[in-house]
Amino acid sequence: MSKNKGARITITLECPCRSLNNEHKYKRKKGIFRYTSTKNRKNTPRRIELMKFCPNCNEHKQFKEIK
């Protein structure tokens, strides 16, 4: 049996470009791009933001945690 991971939870990070309506800005395919990661619920109770690469925008952007 595997051990319980405790306070670590899986989160989803999403690019804010999904809400923009500027089609000419996109250099690649349209759509929603998401990353998954884990975080410690006790150390970071708030939603986190990380710099990740968005292939839709073709640049690094601030990805925000979604529920």
PDB file of N, CA and C in Angstrom:
ATOM      1  N   MET A   1       0.826  -1.187   0.000  1.00  0.00           N
ATOM      2  CA  MET A   1       0.000   0.000   0.000  1.00  0.00           C
ATOM      3  C   MET A   1       0.869   1.248   0.000  1.00  0.00           C
ATOM      4  N   SER A   2       0.374   2.272  -0.613  1.00  0.00           N
ATOM      5  CA  SER A   2       1.120   3.525  -0.654  1.00  0.00           C
ATOM      6  C   SER A   2       0.812   4.371   0.574  1.00  0.00           C
ATOM      7  N   LYS A   3       1.750   5.252   0.885  1.00  0.00           N
ATOM      8  CA  LYS A   3       1.568   6.129   2.034  1.00  0.00           C
ATOM      9  C   LYS A   3       0.673   7.302   1.657  1.00  0.00           C
ATOM     10  N   ASN A   4       0.034   7.860   2.650  1.00  0.00           N
ATOM     11  CA  ASN A   4      -0.806   9.032   2.454  1.00  0.00           C
ATOM     12  C   ASN A   4       0.094  10.242   2.252  1.00  0.00           C
ATOM     13  N   LYS A   5      -0.216  11.095   1.289  1.00  0.00           N
ATOM     14  CA  LYS A   5       0.617  12.256   1.005  1.00  0.00           C
ATOM     15  C   LYS A   5       0.378  13.392   1.991  1.00  0.00           C
ATOM     16  N   GLY A   6      -0.587  13.290   2.857  1.00  0.00           N
ATOM     17  CA  GLY A   6      -0.801  14.305   3.879  1.00  0.00           C
ATOM     18  C   GLY A   6      -1.401  15.583   3.334  1.00  0.00           C
ATOM     19  N   ALA A   7      -0.682  16.680   3.539  1.00  0.00           N
ATOM     20  CA  ALA A   7      -1.208  17.997   3.198  1.00  0.00           C
ATOM     21  C   ALA A   7      -0.997  18.362   1.727  1.00  0.00           C
ATOM     22  N   ARG A   8      -0.299  17.536   0.951  1.00  0.00           N
ATOM     23  CA  ARG A   8      -0.043  17.860  -0.457  1.00  0.00           C
ATOM     24  C   ARG A   8      -1.282  17.562  -1.303  1.00  0.00           C
ATOM     25  N   ILE A   9      -1.652  18.530  -2.133  1.00  0.00           N
ATOM     26  CA  ILE A   9      -2.808  18.367  -3.017  1.00  0.00           C
ATOM     27  C   ILE A   9      -2.387  18.681  -4.448  1.00  0.00           C
ATOM     28  N   THR A  10      -3.118  18.133  -5.400  1.00  0.00           N
ATOM     29  CA  THR A  10      -2.876  18.402  -6.815  1.00  0.00           C
ATOM     30  C   THR A  10      -3.662  19.638  -7.221  1.00  0.00           C
ATOM     31  N   ILE A  11      -2.989  20.553  -7.918  1.00  0.00           N
ATOM     32  CA  ILE A  11      -3.634  21.788  -8.364  1.00  0.00           C
ATOM     33  C   ILE A  11      -3.518  21.904  -9.875  1.00  0.00           C
ATOM     34  N   THR A  12      -4.344  22.749 -10.462  1.00  0.00           N
ATOM     35  CA  THR A  12      -4.328  23.015 -11.896  1.00  0.00           C
ATOM     36  C   THR A  12      -3.991  24.480 -12.107  1.00  0.00           C
ATOM     37  N   LEU A  13      -3.027  24.745 -12.988  1.00  0.00           N
ATOM     38  CA  LEU A  13      -2.624  26.108 -13.325  1.00  0.00           C
ATOM     39  C   LEU A  13      -3.084  26.411 -14.744  1.00  0.00           C
ATOM     40  N   GLU A  14      -3.703  27.581 -14.926  1.00  0.00           N
ATOM     41  CA  GLU A  14      -4.255  27.932 -16.231  1.00  0.00           C
ATOM     42  C   GLU A  14      -3.763  29.305 -16.668  1.00  0.00           C
ATOM     43  N   CYS A  15      -3.511  29.445 -17.957  1.00  0.00           N
ATOM     44  CA  CYS A  15      -3.038  30.706 -18.529  1.00  0.00           C
ATOM     45  C   CYS A  15      -4.195  31.706 -18.616  1.00  0.00           C
ATOM     46  N   PRO A  16      -3.931  32.987 -18.332  1.00  0.00           N
ATOM     47  CA  PRO A  16      -5.008  33.982 -18.432  1.00  0.00           C
ATOM     48  C   PRO A  16      -5.376  34.349 -19.863  1.00  0.00           C
ATOM     49  N   CYS A  17      -4.632  33.881 -20.860  1.00  0.00           N
ATOM     50  CA  CYS A  17      -4.930  34.233 -22.255  1.00  0.00           C
ATOM     51  C   CYS A  17      -6.235  33.616 -22.736  1.00  0.00           C
ATOM     52  N   ARG A  18      -6.766  32.648 -22.018  1.00  0.00           N
ATOM     53  CA  ARG A  18      -8.016  32.001 -22.434  1.00  0.00           C
ATOM     54  C   ARG A  18      -9.183  32.974 -22.423  1.00  0.00           C
ATOM     55  N   SER A  19      -9.098  34.019 -21.581  1.00  0.00           N
ATOM     56  CA  SER A  19     -10.205  34.965 -21.475  1.00  0.00           C
ATOM     57  C   SER A  19     -10.087  36.130 -22.462  1.00  0.00           C
ATOM     58  N   LEU A  20      -8.944  36.252 -23.146  1.00  0.00           N
ATOM     59  CA  LEU A  20      -8.772  37.328 -24.119  1.00  0.00           C
ATOM     60  C   LEU A  20      -9.455  36.985 -25.428  1.00  0.00           C
ATOM     61  N   ASN A  21      -9.966  37.979 -26.081  1.00  0.00           N
ATOM     62  CA  ASN A  21     -10.676  37.747 -27.346  1.00  0.00           C
ATOM     63  C   ASN A  21      -9.884  38.258 -28.543  1.00  0.00           C
ATOM     64  N   ASN A  22      -8.597  38.525 -28.383  1.00  0.00           N
ATOM     65  CA  ASN A  22      -7.769  39.019 -29.489  1.00  0.00           C
ATOM     66  C   ASN A  22      -7.203  37.831 -30.266  1.00  0.00           C
ATOM     67  N   GLU A  23      -7.890  37.409 -31.311  1.00  0.00           N
ATOM     68  CA  GLU A  23      -7.446  36.251 -32.084  1.00  0.00           C
ATOM     69  C   GLU A  23      -6.152  36.531 -32.823  1.00  0.00           C
ATOM     70  N   HIS A  24      -5.920  37.788 -33.227  1.00  0.00           N
ATOM     71  CA  HIS A  24      -4.707  38.107 -33.972  1.00  0.00           C
ATOM     72  C   HIS A  24      -3.459  38.024 -33.093  1.00  0.00           C
ATOM     73  N   LYS A  25      -3.639  38.044 -31.784  1.00  0.00           N
ATOM     74  CA  LYS A  25      -2.499  37.989 -30.867  1.00  0.00           C
ATOM     75  C   LYS A  25      -1.908  36.584 -30.793  1.00  0.00           C
ATOM     76  N   TYR A  26      -2.725  35.567 -30.984  1.00  0.00           N
ATOM     77  CA  TYR A  26      -2.251  34.191 -30.846  1.00  0.00           C
ATOM     78  C   TYR A  26      -1.361  33.817 -32.020  1.00  0.00           C
ATOM     79  N   LYS A  27      -0.234  33.218 -31.725  1.00  0.00           N
ATOM     80  CA  LYS A  27       0.696  32.816 -32.770  1.00  0.00           C
ATOM     81  C   LYS A  27       0.554  31.339 -33.099  1.00  0.00           C
ATOM     82  N   ARG A  28      -0.076  30.594 -32.211  1.00  0.00           N
ATOM     83  CA  ARG A  28      -0.246  29.156 -32.413  1.00  0.00           C
ATOM     84  C   ARG A  28      -1.713  28.806 -32.280  1.00  0.00           C
ATOM     85  N   LYS A  29      -1.971  27.536 -32.041  1.00  0.00           N
ATOM     86  CA  LYS A  29      -3.356  27.067 -31.966  1.00  0.00           C
ATOM     87  C   LYS A  29      -4.130  27.743 -30.833  1.00  0.00           C
ATOM     88  N   LYS A  30      -5.420  27.864 -31.013  1.00  0.00           N
ATOM     89  CA  LYS A  30      -6.286  28.423 -29.989  1.00  0.00           C
ATOM     90  C   LYS A  30      -6.677  27.336 -29.011  1.00  0.00           C
ATOM     91  N   GLY A  31      -7.068  27.734 -27.817  1.00  0.00           N
ATOM     92  CA  GLY A  31      -7.522  26.776 -26.826  1.00  0.00           C
ATOM     93  C   GLY A  31      -7.002  27.106 -25.451  1.00  0.00           C
ATOM     94  N   ILE A  32      -7.339  26.264 -24.493  1.00  0.00           N
ATOM     95  CA  ILE A  32      -6.939  26.458 -23.108  1.00  0.00           C
ATOM     96  C   ILE A  32      -5.757  25.550 -22.825  1.00  0.00           C
ATOM     97  N   PHE A  33      -4.709  26.112 -22.256  1.00  0.00           N
ATOM     98  CA  PHE A  33      -3.533  25.321 -21.895  1.00  0.00           C
ATOM     99  C   PHE A  33      -3.391  25.323 -20.390  1.00  0.00           C
ATOM    100  N   ARG A  34      -3.222  24.135 -19.808  1.00  0.00           N
ATOM    101  CA  ARG A  34      -3.142  23.997 -18.360  1.00  0.00           C
ATOM    102  C   ARG A  34      -1.962  23.132 -17.952  1.00  0.00           C
ATOM    103  N   TYR A  35      -1.382  23.461 -16.793  1.00  0.00           N
ATOM    104  CA  TYR A  35      -0.362  22.645 -16.146  1.00  0.00           C
ATOM    105  C   TYR A  35      -0.950  22.072 -14.871  1.00  0.00           C
ATOM    106  N   THR A  36      -0.450  20.927 -14.436  1.00  0.00           N
ATOM    107  CA  THR A  36      -0.817  20.382 -13.138  1.00  0.00           C
ATOM    108  C   THR A  36       0.431  20.316 -12.282  1.00  0.00           C
ATOM    109  N   SER A  37       0.259  20.548 -10.993  1.00  0.00           N
ATOM    110  CA  SER A  37       1.352  20.537 -10.042  1.00  0.00           C
ATOM    111  C   SER A  37       0.792  20.175  -8.677  1.00  0.00           C
ATOM    112  N   THR A  38       1.669  20.131  -7.685  1.00  0.00           N
ATOM    113  CA  THR A  38       1.218  19.874  -6.316  1.00  0.00           C
ATOM    114  C   THR A  38       1.689  21.005  -5.422  1.00  0.00           C
ATOM    115  N   LYS A  39       0.967  21.215  -4.341  1.00  0.00           N
ATOM    116  CA  LYS A  39       1.365  22.217  -3.360  1.00  0.00           C
ATOM    117  C   LYS A  39       1.000  21.716  -1.971  1.00  0.00           C
ATOM    118  N   ASN A  40       1.674  22.275  -0.980  1.00  0.00           N
ATOM    119  CA  ASN A  40       1.395  21.934   0.400  1.00  0.00           C
ATOM    120  C   ASN A  40       0.304  22.870   0.901  1.00  0.00           C
ATOM    121  N   ARG A  41      -0.802  22.315   1.306  1.00  0.00           N
ATOM    122  CA  ARG A  41      -1.956  23.102   1.736  1.00  0.00           C
ATOM    123  C   ARG A  41      -1.654  23.894   3.012  1.00  0.00           C
ATOM    124  N   LYS A  42      -0.805  23.364   3.883  1.00  0.00           N
ATOM    125  CA  LYS A  42      -0.501  24.046   5.145  1.00  0.00           C
ATOM    126  C   LYS A  42       0.411  25.249   4.927  1.00  0.00           C
ATOM    127  N   ASN A  43       1.405  25.129   4.045  1.00  0.00           N
ATOM    128  CA  ASN A  43       2.348  26.222   3.810  1.00  0.00           C
ATOM    129  C   ASN A  43       1.787  27.308   2.912  1.00  0.00           C
ATOM    130  N   THR A  44       0.979  26.945   1.927  1.00  0.00           N
ATOM    131  CA  THR A  44       0.410  27.914   0.978  1.00  0.00           C
ATOM    132  C   THR A  44      -1.100  27.715   0.886  1.00  0.00           C
ATOM    133  N   PRO A  45      -1.846  28.289   1.817  1.00  0.00           N
ATOM    134  CA  PRO A  45      -3.304  28.116   1.791  1.00  0.00           C
ATOM    135  C   PRO A  45      -3.984  28.913   0.679  1.00  0.00           C
ATOM    136  N   ARG A  46      -3.334  29.983   0.208  1.00  0.00           N
ATOM    137  CA  ARG A  46      -3.922  30.803  -0.855  1.00  0.00           C
ATOM    138  C   ARG A  46      -3.612  30.205  -2.215  1.00  0.00           C
ATOM    139  N   ARG A  47      -4.271  30.753  -3.237  1.00  0.00           N
ATOM    140  CA  ARG A  47      -3.994  30.314  -4.612  1.00  0.00           C
ATOM    141  C   ARG A  47      -2.634  30.832  -5.043  1.00  0.00           C
ATOM    142  N   ILE A  48      -1.888  30.008  -5.759  1.00  0.00           N
ATOM    143  CA  ILE A  48      -0.541  30.401  -6.171  1.00  0.00           C
ATOM    144  C   ILE A  48      -0.517  30.813  -7.633  1.00  0.00           C
ATOM    145  N   GLU A  49       0.511  31.564  -8.006  1.00  0.00           N
ATOM    146  CA  GLU A  49       0.739  31.977  -9.390  1.00  0.00           C
ATOM    147  C   GLU A  49       2.186  31.661  -9.725  1.00  0.00           C
ATOM    148  N   LEU A  50       2.420  31.011 -10.859  1.00  0.00           N
ATOM    149  CA  LEU A  50       3.758  30.635 -11.289  1.00  0.00           C
ATOM    150  C   LEU A  50       3.981  31.073 -12.729  1.00  0.00           C
ATOM    151  N   MET A  51       5.225  31.428 -13.045  1.00  0.00           N
ATOM    152  CA  MET A  51       5.591  31.759 -14.416  1.00  0.00           C
ATOM    153  C   MET A  51       5.814  30.468 -15.191  1.00  0.00           C
ATOM    154  N   LYS A  52       5.044  30.268 -16.247  1.00  0.00           N
ATOM    155  CA  LYS A  52       5.145  29.087 -17.097  1.00  0.00           C
ATOM    156  C   LYS A  52       5.067  29.523 -18.553  1.00  0.00           C
ATOM    157  N   PHE A  53       5.461  28.618 -19.441  1.00  0.00           N
ATOM    158  CA  PHE A  53       5.395  28.906 -20.879  1.00  0.00           C
ATOM    159  C   PHE A  53       4.031  28.519 -21.423  1.00  0.00           C
ATOM    160  N   CYS A  54       3.407  29.442 -22.125  1.00  0.00           N
ATOM    161  CA  CYS A  54       2.115  29.192 -22.763  1.00  0.00           C
ATOM    162  C   CYS A  54       2.353  29.005 -24.259  1.00  0.00           C
ATOM    163  N   PRO A  55       2.120  27.802 -24.800  1.00  0.00           N
ATOM    164  CA  PRO A  55       2.325  27.595 -26.233  1.00  0.00           C
ATOM    165  C   PRO A  55       1.304  28.330 -27.099  1.00  0.00           C
ATOM    166  N   ASN A  56       0.159  28.712 -26.548  1.00  0.00           N
ATOM    167  CA  ASN A  56      -0.829  29.462 -27.322  1.00  0.00           C
ATOM    168  C   ASN A  56      -0.346  30.885 -27.576  1.00  0.00           C
ATOM    169  N   CYS A  57       0.253  31.508 -26.553  1.00  0.00           N
ATOM    170  CA  CYS A  57       0.757  32.876 -26.670  1.00  0.00           C
ATOM    171  C   CYS A  57       2.196  32.900 -27.162  1.00  0.00           C
ATOM    172  N   ASN A  58       2.873  31.782 -27.066  1.00  0.00           N
ATOM    173  CA  ASN A  58       4.269  31.632 -27.446  1.00  0.00           C
ATOM    174  C   ASN A  58       5.181  32.515 -26.590  1.00  0.00           C
ATOM    175  N   GLU A  59       4.858  32.645 -25.300  1.00  0.00           N
ATOM    176  CA  GLU A  59       5.671  33.415 -24.370  1.00  0.00           C
ATOM    177  C   GLU A  59       5.402  32.964 -22.943  1.00  0.00           C
ATOM    178  N   HIS A  60       6.248  33.388 -22.022  1.00  0.00           N
ATOM    179  CA  HIS A  60       6.059  33.059 -20.613  1.00  0.00           C
ATOM    180  C   HIS A  60       5.030  34.006 -20.013  1.00  0.00           C
ATOM    181  N   LYS A  61       4.129  33.435 -19.228  1.00  0.00           N
ATOM    182  CA  LYS A  61       3.072  34.222 -18.592  1.00  0.00           C
ATOM    183  C   LYS A  61       2.861  33.717 -17.179  1.00  0.00           C
ATOM    184  N   GLN A  62       2.123  34.492 -16.408  1.00  0.00           N
ATOM    185  CA  GLN A  62       1.797  34.142 -15.034  1.00  0.00           C
ATOM    186  C   GLN A  62       0.581  33.221 -15.041  1.00  0.00           C
ATOM    187  N   PHE A  63       0.776  31.953 -14.712  1.00  0.00           N
ATOM    188  CA  PHE A  63      -0.311  30.997 -14.647  1.00  0.00           C
ATOM    189  C   PHE A  63      -0.923  31.041 -13.259  1.00  0.00           C
ATOM    190  N   LYS A  64      -2.256  31.034 -13.192  1.00  0.00           N
ATOM    191  CA  LYS A  64      -2.945  31.124 -11.919  1.00  0.00           C
ATOM    192  C   LYS A  64      -3.639  29.803 -11.598  1.00  0.00           C
ATOM    193  N   GLU A  65      -3.704  29.516 -10.315  1.00  0.00           N
ATOM    194  CA  GLU A  65      -4.365  28.281  -9.852  1.00  0.00           C
ATOM    195  C   GLU A  65      -5.877  28.433  -9.998  1.00  0.00           C
ATOM    196  N   ILE A  66      -6.510  27.391 -10.513  1.00  0.00           N
ATOM    197  CA  ILE A  66      -7.965  27.379 -10.632  1.00  0.00           C
ATOM    198  C   ILE A  66      -8.507  26.247  -9.788  1.00  0.00           C
ATOM    199  N   LYS A  67      -9.792  26.309  -9.484  1.00  0.00           N
ATOM    200  CA  LYS A  67     -10.402  25.236  -8.699  1.00  0.00           C
ATOM    201  C   LYS A  67     -11.151  24.293  -9.576  1.00  0.00           C
TER     202      LYS A  67
END
